[in-house]
C-alpha atoms as a PDB file:
ATOM      1  CA  UNK A   1     -31.320   3.158 -13.558  1.00  0.00           C
ATOM      2  CA  UNK A   2     -33.487   0.764 -11.484  1.00  0.00           C
ATOM      3  CA  UNK A   3     -31.413  -1.408  -9.208  1.00  0.00           C
ATOM      4  CA  UNK A   4     -28.217   0.572  -9.707  1.00  0.00           C
ATOM      5  CA  UNK A   5     -28.031   1.444  -6.015  1.00  0.00           C
ATOM      6  CA  UNK A   6     -28.278  -2.246  -5.121  1.00  0.00           C
ATOM      7  CA  UNK A   7     -25.482  -3.049  -7.562  1.00  0.00           C
ATOM      8  CA  UNK A   8     -23.223  -0.356  -6.100  1.00  0.00           C
ATOM      9  CA  UNK A   9     -23.927  -1.542  -2.563  1.00  0.00           C
ATOM     10  CA  UNK A  10     -23.214  -5.159  -3.508  1.00  0.00           C
ATOM     11  CA  UNK A  11     -19.947  -4.137  -5.158  1.00  0.00           C
ATOM     12  CA  UNK A  12     -18.963  -2.082  -2.123  1.00  0.00           C
ATOM     13  CA  UNK A  13     -19.871  -4.977   0.153  1.00  0.00           C
ATOM     14  CA  UNK A  14     -17.583  -7.287  -1.844  1.00  0.00           C
ATOM     15  CA  UNK A  15     -14.744  -4.759  -1.866  1.00  0.00           C
ATOM     16  CA  UNK A  16     -14.913  -4.297   1.894  1.00  0.00           C
ATOM     17  CA  UNK A  17     -15.124  -8.051   2.497  1.00  0.00           C
ATOM     18  CA  UNK A  18     -12.103  -8.655   0.236  1.00  0.00           C
ATOM     19  CA  UNK A  19     -10.082  -5.895   1.913  1.00  0.00           C
ATOM     20  CA  UNK A  20     -10.831  -7.157   5.420  1.00  0.00           C
ATOM     21  CA  UNK A  21     -10.155 -10.748   4.369  1.00  0.00           C
ATOM     22  CA  UNK A  22      -6.718  -9.702   3.127  1.00  0.00           C
ATOM     23  CA  UNK A  23      -6.052  -7.852   6.390  1.00  0.00           C
ATOM     24  CA  UNK A  24      -6.985 -10.927   8.427  1.00  0.00           C
ATOM     25  CA  UNK A  25      -4.896 -13.324   6.301  1.00  0.00           C
ATOM     26  CA  UNK A  26      -1.855 -11.054   6.467  1.00  0.00           C
ATOM     27  CA  UNK A  27      -2.185 -10.766  10.238  1.00  0.00           C
ATOM     28  CA  UNK A  28      -2.762  -7.042  10.233  1.00  0.00           C
ATOM     29  CA  UNK A  29      -6.113  -7.804  11.846  1.00  0.00           C
ATOM     30  CA  UNK A  30      -4.812 -10.406  14.315  1.00  0.00           C
ATOM     31  CA  UNK A  31      -6.704 -13.293  15.848  1.00  0.00           C
ATOM     32  CA  UNK A  32      -8.851 -12.118  18.741  1.00  0.00           C
ATOM     33  CA  UNK A  33      -9.053  -8.516  17.492  1.00  0.00           C
ATOM     34  CA  UNK A  34     -12.479  -7.093  18.251  1.00  0.00           C
ATOM     35  CA  UNK A  35     -14.179  -4.260  16.347  1.00  0.00           C
ATOM     36  CA  UNK A  36     -17.579  -2.818  15.476  1.00  0.00           C
ATOM     37  CA  UNK A  37     -19.427  -1.985  12.286  1.00  0.00           C
ATOM     38  CA  UNK A  38     -19.057   1.709  13.107  1.00  0.00           C
ATOM     39  CA  UNK A  39     -15.285   1.410  13.452  1.00  0.00           C
ATOM     40  CA  UNK A  40     -14.891  -0.267  10.056  1.00  0.00           C
ATOM     41  CA  UNK A  41     -17.365   2.101   8.392  1.00  0.00           C
ATOM     42  CA  UNK A  42     -15.392   5.101   9.617  1.00  0.00           C
ATOM     43  CA  UNK A  43     -12.127   3.506   8.542  1.00  0.00           C
ATOM     44  CA  UNK A  44     -13.350   3.050   4.961  1.00  0.00           C
ATOM     45  CA  UNK A  45     -15.526   6.159   4.862  1.00  0.00           C
ATOM     46  CA  UNK A  46     -18.719   4.291   3.956  1.00  0.00           C
ATOM     47  CA  UNK A  47     -22.154   3.691   5.446  1.00  0.00           C
ATOM     48  CA  UNK A  48     -22.851   0.947   7.932  1.00  0.00           C
ATOM     49  CA  UNK A  49     -25.011  -1.237   5.675  1.00  0.00           C
ATOM     50  CA  UNK A  50     -22.355  -2.601   3.254  1.00  0.00           C
ATOM     51  CA  UNK A  51     -19.924  -2.995   6.163  1.00  0.00           C
ATOM     52  CA  UNK A  52     -22.426  -5.042   8.148  1.00  0.00           C
ATOM     53  CA  UNK A  53     -23.117  -7.211   5.114  1.00  0.00           C
ATOM     54  CA  UNK A  54     -19.393  -7.679   4.450  1.00  0.00           C
ATOM     55  CA  UNK A  55     -18.757  -8.698   8.056  1.00  0.00           C
ATOM     56  CA  UNK A  56     -21.571 -11.224   7.918  1.00  0.00           C
ATOM     57  CA  UNK A  57     -20.024 -12.639   4.740  1.00  0.00           C
ATOM     58  CA  UNK A  58     -16.730 -13.113   6.586  1.00  0.00           C
ATOM     59  CA  UNK A  59     -18.580 -14.749   9.473  1.00  0.00           C
ATOM     60  CA  UNK A  60     -20.100 -17.228   7.036  1.00  0.00           C
ATOM     61  CA  UNK A  61     -16.574 -18.001   5.767  1.00  0.00           C
ATOM     62  CA  UNK A  62     -15.476 -18.838   9.307  1.00  0.00           C
ATOM     63  CA  UNK A  63     -13.102 -15.864   9.616  1.00  0.00           C
ATOM     64  CA  UNK A  64     -15.038 -13.770  12.153  1.00  0.00           C
ATOM     65  CA  UNK A  65     -17.230 -14.478  15.156  1.00  0.00           C
ATOM     66  CA  UNK A  66     -20.158 -12.310  16.211  1.00  0.00           C
ATOM     67  CA  UNK A  67     -19.768 -11.004  19.751  1.00  0.00           C
ATOM     68  CA  UNK A  68     -22.267  -9.524  22.151  1.00  0.00           C
ATOM     69  CA  UNK A  69     -23.267  -5.887  21.720  1.00  0.00           C
ATOM     70  CA  UNK A  70     -23.045  -6.147  17.910  1.00  0.00           C
ATOM     71  CA  UNK A  71     -19.255  -6.388  17.724  1.00  0.00           C
ATOM     72  CA  UNK A  72     -17.122  -8.834  15.774  1.00  0.00           C
ATOM     73  CA  UNK A  73     -13.935 -10.712  16.607  1.00  0.00           C
ATOM     74  CA  UNK A  74     -11.322 -12.273  14.340  1.00  0.00           C
ATOM     75  CA  UNK A  75     -11.590 -16.010  14.880  1.00  0.00           C
ATOM     76  CA  UNK A  76      -8.783 -17.704  16.781  1.00  0.00           C
ATOM     77  CA  UNK A  77      -7.638 -21.090  15.489  1.00  0.00           C
ATOM     78  CA  UNK A  78      -5.648 -23.668  17.461  1.00  0.00           C
ATOM     79  CA  UNK A  79      -2.942 -26.126  16.444  1.00  0.00           C
ATOM     80  CA  UNK A  80      -5.593 -28.855  16.617  1.00  0.00           C
ATOM     81  CA  UNK A  81      -7.682 -26.817  14.171  1.00  0.00           C
ATOM     82  CA  UNK A  82      -4.686 -26.566  11.863  1.00  0.00           C
ATOM     83  CA  UNK A  83      -4.180 -30.348  11.924  1.00  0.00           C
ATOM     84  CA  UNK A  84      -7.798 -30.795  10.894  1.00  0.00           C
ATOM     85  CA  UNK A  85      -7.406 -28.167   8.154  1.00  0.00           C
ATOM     86  CA  UNK A  86      -4.351 -29.971   6.763  1.00  0.00           C
ATOM     87  CA  UNK A  87      -6.231 -33.255   6.707  1.00  0.00           C
ATOM     88  CA  UNK A  88      -9.267 -31.643   5.068  1.00  0.00           C
ATOM     89  CA  UNK A  89      -7.320 -29.919   2.312  1.00  0.00           C
ATOM     90  CA  UNK A  90      -5.403 -33.124   1.567  1.00  0.00           C
ATOM     91  CA  UNK A  91      -8.614 -35.124   1.251  1.00  0.00           C
ATOM     92  CA  UNK A  92     -10.162 -32.456  -0.959  1.00  0.00           C
ATOM     93  CA  UNK A  93      -7.211 -32.274  -3.365  1.00  0.00           C
ATOM     94  CA  UNK A  94      -6.675 -36.014  -3.510  1.00  0.00           C
ATOM     95  CA  UNK A  95     -10.396 -36.579  -4.045  1.00  0.00           C
ATOM     96  CA  UNK A  96     -10.592 -33.971  -6.791  1.00  0.00           C
ATOM     97  CA  UNK A  97      -7.921 -35.541  -8.907  1.00  0.00           C
ATOM     98  CA  UNK A  98      -8.554 -39.181  -8.093  1.00  0.00           C
ATOM     99  CA  UNK A  99     -12.210 -39.048  -9.113  1.00  0.00           C
ATOM    100  CA  UNK A 100     -12.502 -36.113 -11.473  1.00  0.00           C
ATOM    101  CA  UNK A 101      -9.210 -35.371 -13.201  1.00  0.00           C
ATOM    102  CA  UNK A 102      -9.400 -37.833 -16.094  1.00  0.00           C
ATOM    103  CA  UNK A 103     -12.819 -36.552 -17.158  1.00  0.00           C
ATOM    104  CA  UNK A 104     -12.312 -32.865 -16.409  1.00  0.00           C
ATOM    105  CA  UNK A 105      -8.756 -32.337 -17.581  1.00  0.00           C
ATOM    106  CA  UNK A 106      -9.499 -33.879 -20.953  1.00  0.00           C
ATOM    107  CA  UNK A 107     -11.382 -30.706 -21.903  1.00  0.00           C
ATOM    108  CA  UNK A 108      -9.353 -28.067 -20.037  1.00  0.00           C
ATOM    109  CA  UNK A 109      -8.389 -25.217 -22.402  1.00  0.00           C
ATOM    110  CA  UNK A 110      -4.609 -24.975 -22.874  1.00  0.00           C
ATOM    111  CA  UNK A 111      -4.731 -21.348 -21.730  1.00  0.00           C
ATOM    112  CA  UNK A 112      -6.265 -22.389 -18.384  1.00  0.00           C
ATOM    113  CA  UNK A 113      -3.540 -24.941 -17.757  1.00  0.00           C
ATOM    114  CA  UNK A 114      -0.894 -22.415 -18.801  1.00  0.00           C
ATOM    115  CA  UNK A 115      -2.335 -19.931 -16.282  1.00  0.00           C
ATOM    116  CA  UNK A 116      -2.093 -22.501 -13.471  1.00  0.00           C
ATOM    117  CA  UNK A 117       1.525 -23.180 -14.440  1.00  0.00           C
ATOM    118  CA  UNK A 118       2.289 -19.447 -14.230  1.00  0.00           C
ATOM    119  CA  UNK A 119       0.668 -19.274 -10.790  1.00  0.00           C
ATOM    120  CA  UNK A 120       2.778 -22.270  -9.758  1.00  0.00           C
ATOM    121  CA  UNK A 121       5.981 -20.554 -10.878  1.00  0.00           C
ATOM    122  CA  UNK A 122       5.074 -17.334  -9.072  1.00  0.00           C
ATOM    123  CA  UNK A 123       4.094 -19.100  -5.846  1.00  0.00           C
ATOM    124  CA  UNK A 124       7.157 -21.322  -5.890  1.00  0.00           C
ATOM    125  CA  UNK A 125       9.478 -18.369  -6.504  1.00  0.00           C
ATOM    126  CA  UNK A 126       7.992 -16.434  -3.583  1.00  0.00           C
ATOM    127  CA  UNK A 127       8.165 -19.487  -1.311  1.00  0.00           C
ATOM    128  CA  UNK A 128      11.829 -20.128  -2.083  1.00  0.00           C
ATOM    129  CA  UNK A 129      12.630 -16.466  -1.443  1.00  0.00           C
ATOM    130  CA  UNK A 130      10.676 -16.579   1.825  1.00  0.00           C
ATOM    131  CA  UNK A 131       8.553 -13.594   0.795  1.00  0.00           C
ATOM    132  CA  UNK A 132       5.441 -14.376   2.811  1.00  0.00           C
ATOM    133  CA  UNK A 133       3.319 -11.392   1.748  1.00  0.00           C
ATOM    134  CA  UNK A 134       3.779 -12.180  -1.949  1.00  0.00           C
ATOM    135  CA  UNK A 135       3.439 -15.929  -1.428  1.00  0.00           C
ATOM    136  CA  UNK A 136       0.026 -15.744   0.259  1.00  0.00           C
ATOM    137  CA  UNK A 137      -1.676 -14.110  -2.704  1.00  0.00           C
ATOM    138  CA  UNK A 138      -0.042 -16.297  -5.348  1.00  0.00           C
ATOM    139  CA  UNK A 139      -0.554 -19.469  -3.316  1.00  0.00           C
ATOM    140  CA  UNK A 140      -4.284 -18.839  -2.882  1.00  0.00           C
ATOM    141  CA  UNK A 141      -4.673 -18.033  -6.567  1.00  0.00           C
ATOM    142  CA  UNK A 142      -2.732 -21.156  -7.535  1.00  0.00           C
ATOM    143  CA  UNK A 143      -4.914 -23.512  -5.498  1.00  0.00           C
ATOM    144  CA  UNK A 144      -8.091 -21.739  -6.596  1.00  0.00           C
ATOM    145  CA  UNK A 145      -7.201 -22.107 -10.272  1.00  0.00           C
ATOM    146  CA  UNK A 146      -5.900 -25.644  -9.834  1.00  0.00           C
ATOM    147  CA  UNK A 147      -9.121 -26.796  -8.192  1.00  0.00           C
ATOM    148  CA  UNK A 148     -11.071 -24.853 -10.812  1.00  0.00           C
ATOM    149  CA  UNK A 149      -9.687 -27.083 -13.566  1.00  0.00           C
ATOM    150  CA  UNK A 150     -12.168 -29.803 -12.647  1.00  0.00           C
ATOM    151  CA  UNK A 151     -15.093 -27.453 -13.157  1.00  0.00           C
ATOM    152  CA  UNK A 152     -16.825 -27.821  -9.786  1.00  0.00           C
ATOM    153  CA  UNK A 153     -17.098 -24.376  -8.135  1.00  0.00           C
ATOM    154  CA  UNK A 154     -18.359 -25.825  -4.844  1.00  0.00           C
ATOM    155  CA  UNK A 155     -15.194 -27.882  -4.399  1.00  0.00           C
ATOM    156  CA  UNK A 156     -13.015 -24.944  -5.403  1.00  0.00           C
ATOM    157  CA  UNK A 157     -14.766 -22.608  -2.944  1.00  0.00           C
ATOM    158  CA  UNK A 158     -14.523 -25.101  -0.097  1.00  0.00           C
ATOM    159  CA  UNK A 159     -10.803 -25.691  -0.675  1.00  0.00           C
ATOM    160  CA  UNK A 160     -10.222 -21.922  -0.796  1.00  0.00           C
ATOM    161  CA  UNK A 161     -12.025 -21.497   2.532  1.00  0.00           C
ATOM    162  CA  UNK A 162      -9.892 -24.154   4.238  1.00  0.00           C
ATOM    163  CA  UNK A 163      -6.685 -22.714   2.820  1.00  0.00           C
ATOM    164  CA  UNK A 164      -7.549 -19.188   3.943  1.00  0.00           C
ATOM    165  CA  UNK A 165      -8.207 -20.416   7.478  1.00  0.00           C
ATOM    166  CA  UNK A 166      -4.903 -22.309   7.479  1.00  0.00           C
ATOM    167  CA  UNK A 167      -3.038 -19.164   6.435  1.00  0.00           C
ATOM    168  CA  UNK A 168      -4.732 -17.177   9.203  1.00  0.00           C
ATOM    169  CA  UNK A 169      -3.363 -19.609  11.767  1.00  0.00           C
ATOM    170  CA  UNK A 170       0.130 -19.993  10.303  1.00  0.00           C
ATOM    171  CA  UNK A 171       1.022 -16.426   9.271  1.00  0.00           C
ATOM    172  CA  UNK A 172       1.582 -15.053  12.816  1.00  0.00           C
ATOM    173  CA  UNK A 173       3.785 -18.069  13.604  1.00  0.00           C
ATOM    174  CA  UNK A 174       5.803 -17.740  10.411  1.00  0.00           C
ATOM    175  CA  UNK A 175       6.409 -14.035  11.029  1.00  0.00           C
ATOM    176  CA  UNK A 176       8.287 -14.942  14.205  1.00  0.00           C
ATOM    177  CA  UNK A 177      11.056 -16.533  12.143  1.00  0.00           C
ATOM    178  CA  UNK A 178      14.003 -14.268  11.285  1.00  0.00           C
ATOM    179  CA  UNK A 179      14.119 -15.678   7.759  1.00  0.00           C
ATOM    180  CA  UNK A 180      11.776 -17.877   5.753  1.00  0.00           C
ATOM    181  CA  UNK A 181      14.111 -18.293   2.796  1.00  0.00           C
ATOM    182  CA  UNK A 182      14.224 -21.971   1.864  1.00  0.00           C
ATOM    183  CA  UNK A 183      11.905 -22.936   4.717  1.00  0.00           C
ATOM    184  CA  UNK A 184       8.532 -22.903   2.937  1.00  0.00           C
ATOM    185  CA  UNK A 185       7.019 -25.597   0.721  1.00  0.00           C
ATOM    186  CA  UNK A 186       7.521 -24.773  -2.954  1.00  0.00           C
ATOM    187  CA  UNK A 187       6.313 -27.835  -4.851  1.00  0.00           C
ATOM    188  CA  UNK A 188       3.575 -26.016  -6.742  1.00  0.00           C
ATOM    189  CA  UNK A 189       5.148 -26.736 -10.143  1.00  0.00           C
ATOM    190  CA  UNK A 190       5.678 -30.407  -9.408  1.00  0.00           C
ATOM    191  CA  UNK A 191       2.061 -30.714  -8.309  1.00  0.00           C
ATOM    192  CA  UNK A 192       0.550 -29.050 -11.371  1.00  0.00           C
ATOM    193  CA  UNK A 193       2.593 -31.284 -13.673  1.00  0.00           C
ATOM    194  CA  UNK A 194       1.371 -34.367 -11.806  1.00  0.00           C
ATOM    195  CA  UNK A 195      -2.183 -33.118 -12.211  1.00  0.00           C
ATOM    196  CA  UNK A 196      -1.660 -32.394 -15.904  1.00  0.00           C
ATOM    197  CA  UNK A 197      -0.345 -35.949 -16.314  1.00  0.00           C
ATOM    198  CA  UNK A 198      -3.453 -37.244 -14.484  1.00  0.00           C
ATOM    199  CA  UNK A 199      -1.172 -39.141 -12.128  1.00  0.00           C
ATOM    200  CA  UNK A 200      -3.381 -39.489  -9.031  1.00  0.00           C
ATOM    201  CA  UNK A 201      -0.769 -41.532  -7.150  1.00  0.00           C
ATOM    202  CA  UNK A 202       1.884 -38.854  -7.629  1.00  0.00           C
ATOM    203  CA  UNK A 203      -0.589 -36.109  -6.673  1.00  0.00           C
ATOM    204  CA  UNK A 204      -1.312 -37.985  -3.452  1.00  0.00           C
ATOM    205  CA  UNK A 205       2.421 -38.402  -2.772  1.00  0.00           C
ATOM    206  CA  UNK A 206       3.147 -34.713  -3.325  1.00  0.00           C
ATOM    207  CA  UNK A 207       0.232 -33.613  -1.128  1.00  0.00           C
ATOM    208  CA  UNK A 208       1.351 -35.995   1.622  1.00  0.00           C
ATOM    209  CA  UNK A 209       4.840 -34.502   1.469  1.00  0.00           C
ATOM    210  CA  UNK A 210       3.403 -31.004   1.554  1.00  0.00           C
ATOM    211  CA  UNK A 211       1.356 -31.770   4.655  1.00  0.00           C
ATOM    212  CA  UNK A 212       4.287 -33.429   6.416  1.00  0.00           C
ATOM    213  CA  UNK A 213       6.426 -30.380   5.698  1.00  0.00           C
ATOM    214  CA  UNK A 214       3.743 -27.955   6.914  1.00  0.00           C
ATOM    215  CA  UNK A 215       2.957 -29.895  10.074  1.00  0.00           C
ATOM    216  CA  UNK A 216       6.625 -30.289  11.002  1.00  0.00           C
ATOM    217  CA  UNK A 217       7.330 -26.578  10.503  1.00  0.00           C
ATOM    218  CA  UNK A 218       4.295 -25.396  12.458  1.00  0.00           C
ATOM    219  CA  UNK A 219       4.886 -27.959  15.208  1.00  0.00           C
ATOM    220  CA  UNK A 220       8.357 -26.480  15.790  1.00  0.00           C
ATOM    221  CA  UNK A 221       6.929 -22.981  15.958  1.00  0.00           C
ATOM    222  CA  UNK A 222       4.231 -23.926  18.480  1.00  0.00           C
ATOM    223  CA  UNK A 223       6.529 -25.774  20.893  1.00  0.00           C
END
């Protein structure tokens, strides 16, 4: 079939990018780790072309840097970067629901809102238990679906990018703690109900509390 090879390569490119993204977020590919296209191609048993394309995709997402001699390095973020990320994600979420929620949520299918509530329950449960590996996936899905309720994919994609970068910085710090049980923010359910009620003031209050919690926890770990 014409174009089938292109489709397969694109799918493979996406699969490799997603797999490497997960490795970076989880800290299994730590900040500063350097590697080549050949190394990743051999690891996954594929040709160099989809690997190169996947790595360039991750560069465009701000997760990798291109080094000399055609190698790549996992980007290293600082505490100052994290402060800026926290501010950015707060402004994005507050802006979404201050300007768009009344119009967008009026036509949100009940099933979509129910899905966000389920994500909130799953993320909150993992956060309370201190299960970081489970929390990361549910948390990213929760915020992606929550932002998606307003129907602007550009906003949703930008928020997802900032949140991924924040996780990359915080995960190695959080793994130093002997236990995370009860230490992680778990207000996902409260936030989604505030959004469903179109209460912009409460959304802003919850997000402010979330950022204060995150900054205080990370500040202690970087002392």
